[in-house]
């Protein structure tokens, strides 16, 4: 007998199809297992050393934080002083401009009279 019969073709196709289904199931299970391990390691649990690892400042840290607070406070005060100075300068410029406008108005009136 030469070649394969129809039953042999059907059996071969069924075997290849079943092999593909088994390979896909194995890959899905293996990938799902790796995904689960990845999520469990990175997202779902933290080691106890990380869960309770709080920063407790010592004496040097407290001194440093106090000095940093003082620097921020001095800078804030300087900014407030600068703002007041700029406001005074702005008011003075406005006064000068208004004086010039009034002086020009008086000169124009004198010319027309």
Protein backbone atom coordinates (compact mmCIF):
# COMPACT_ATOMS: atom_id res chain seq x y z
CA UNK A 1 0.00 0.00 0.00
CA UNK A 2 1.26 3.39 -1.01
CA UNK A 3 0.48 6.65 0.92
CA UNK A 4 -1.87 7.17 3.84
CA UNK A 5 -5.51 6.42 4.15
CA UNK A 6 -8.10 9.02 5.10
CA UNK A 7 -8.26 7.61 8.63
CA UNK A 8 -4.49 8.01 9.00
CA UNK A 9 -4.72 11.64 7.83
CA UNK A 10 -7.52 12.30 10.30
CA UNK A 11 -5.58 10.64 13.12
CA UNK A 12 -2.45 12.68 12.26
CA UNK A 13 -4.42 15.95 12.14
CA UNK A 14 -6.13 15.12 15.42
CA UNK A 15 -2.73 14.36 17.04
CA UNK A 16 -1.19 17.63 15.78
CA UNK A 17 -4.23 19.62 16.95
CA UNK A 18 -4.12 17.97 20.36
CA UNK A 19 -0.36 18.68 20.60
CA UNK A 20 -0.96 22.37 19.81
CA UNK A 21 -3.69 22.58 22.45
CA UNK A 22 -1.43 20.91 25.04
CA UNK A 23 1.49 23.26 24.17
CA UNK A 24 -0.76 26.32 24.48
CA UNK A 25 -2.10 25.11 27.85
CA UNK A 26 1.44 24.47 29.14
CA UNK A 27 2.60 27.93 28.01
CA UNK A 28 -0.41 29.65 29.58
CA UNK A 29 0.08 27.82 32.88
CA UNK A 30 3.85 28.52 32.91
CA UNK A 31 3.34 32.18 32.00
CA UNK A 32 0.58 32.57 34.58
CA UNK A 33 2.82 31.03 37.22
CA UNK A 34 5.67 33.45 36.39
CA UNK A 35 3.24 36.38 36.38
CA UNK A 36 1.91 35.30 39.78
CA UNK A 37 5.45 35.04 41.20
CA UNK A 38 6.33 38.45 39.79
CA UNK A 39 3.21 40.10 41.28
CA UNK A 40 3.67 38.34 44.61
CA UNK A 41 7.28 39.50 44.82
CA UNK A 42 6.82 43.10 43.64
CA UNK A 43 3.28 44.12 44.53
CA UNK A 44 1.53 41.91 47.04
CA UNK A 45 4.04 41.45 49.81
CA UNK A 46 6.82 43.38 51.39
CA UNK A 47 9.44 41.92 53.68
CA UNK A 48 9.03 42.68 57.37
CA UNK A 49 12.23 44.71 57.33
CA UNK A 50 10.62 47.11 54.83
CA UNK A 51 7.16 47.20 56.45
CA UNK A 52 8.48 48.56 59.75
CA UNK A 53 11.46 50.56 58.58
CA UNK A 54 10.71 54.08 59.77
CA UNK A 55 13.18 56.94 59.95
CA UNK A 56 13.71 58.07 63.51
CA UNK A 57 15.74 61.29 63.58
CA UNK A 58 18.66 61.42 65.95
CA UNK A 59 20.06 64.52 67.65
CA UNK A 60 22.15 65.56 64.62
CA UNK A 61 19.16 65.15 62.31
CA UNK A 62 17.02 67.32 64.57
CA UNK A 63 19.69 70.03 64.64
CA UNK A 64 19.97 69.89 60.85
CA UNK A 65 16.17 70.07 60.42
CA UNK A 66 15.97 73.02 62.83
CA UNK A 67 18.69 74.89 60.93
CA UNK A 68 16.93 74.13 57.66
CA UNK A 69 13.69 75.51 59.11
CA UNK A 70 15.51 78.66 60.23
CA UNK A 71 16.97 79.12 56.74
CA UNK A 72 13.54 78.76 55.16
CA UNK A 73 12.05 81.19 57.68
CA UNK A 74 14.79 83.80 57.02
CA UNK A 75 14.30 83.43 53.28
CA UNK A 76 10.55 83.86 53.70
CA UNK A 77 11.11 87.01 55.76
CA UNK A 78 13.52 88.36 53.12
CA UNK A 79 10.95 87.76 50.40
CA UNK A 80 8.31 89.61 52.42
CA UNK A 81 10.71 92.54 52.94
CA UNK A 82 11.55 92.60 49.22
CA UNK A 83 7.87 92.57 48.36
CA UNK A 84 7.26 95.57 50.62
CA UNK A 85 10.22 97.40 49.07
CA UNK A 86 8.97 96.71 45.56
CA UNK A 87 5.51 97.96 46.54
CA UNK A 88 7.03 101.20 47.92
CA UNK A 89 9.06 101.67 44.74
CA UNK A 90 5.97 101.01 42.64
CA UNK A 91 3.96 103.59 44.59
CA UNK A 92 6.77 106.14 44.25
CA UNK A 93 6.95 105.59 40.48
CA UNK A 94 3.16 106.02 40.27
CA UNK A 95 3.45 109.31 42.20
CA UNK A 96 6.20 110.53 39.89
CA UNK A 97 4.18 109.63 36.81
CA UNK A 98 1.08 111.38 38.18
CA UNK A 99 3.16 114.47 39.07
CA UNK A 100 4.55 114.61 35.52
CA UNK A 101 1.07 114.21 34.05
CA UNK A 102 -0.17 117.06 36.24
CA UNK A 103 2.86 119.22 35.34
CA UNK A 104 2.32 118.60 31.63
CA UNK A 105 -1.35 119.44 32.01
CA UNK A 106 -0.48 122.70 33.74
CA UNK A 107 2.03 123.61 31.03
CA UNK A 108 -0.54 122.97 28.31
CA UNK A 109 -3.06 125.16 30.13
CA UNK A 110 -0.50 127.95 30.46
CA UNK A 111 0.29 127.77 26.77
CA UNK A 112 -3.38 128.02 25.80
CA UNK A 113 -4.13 130.91 28.19
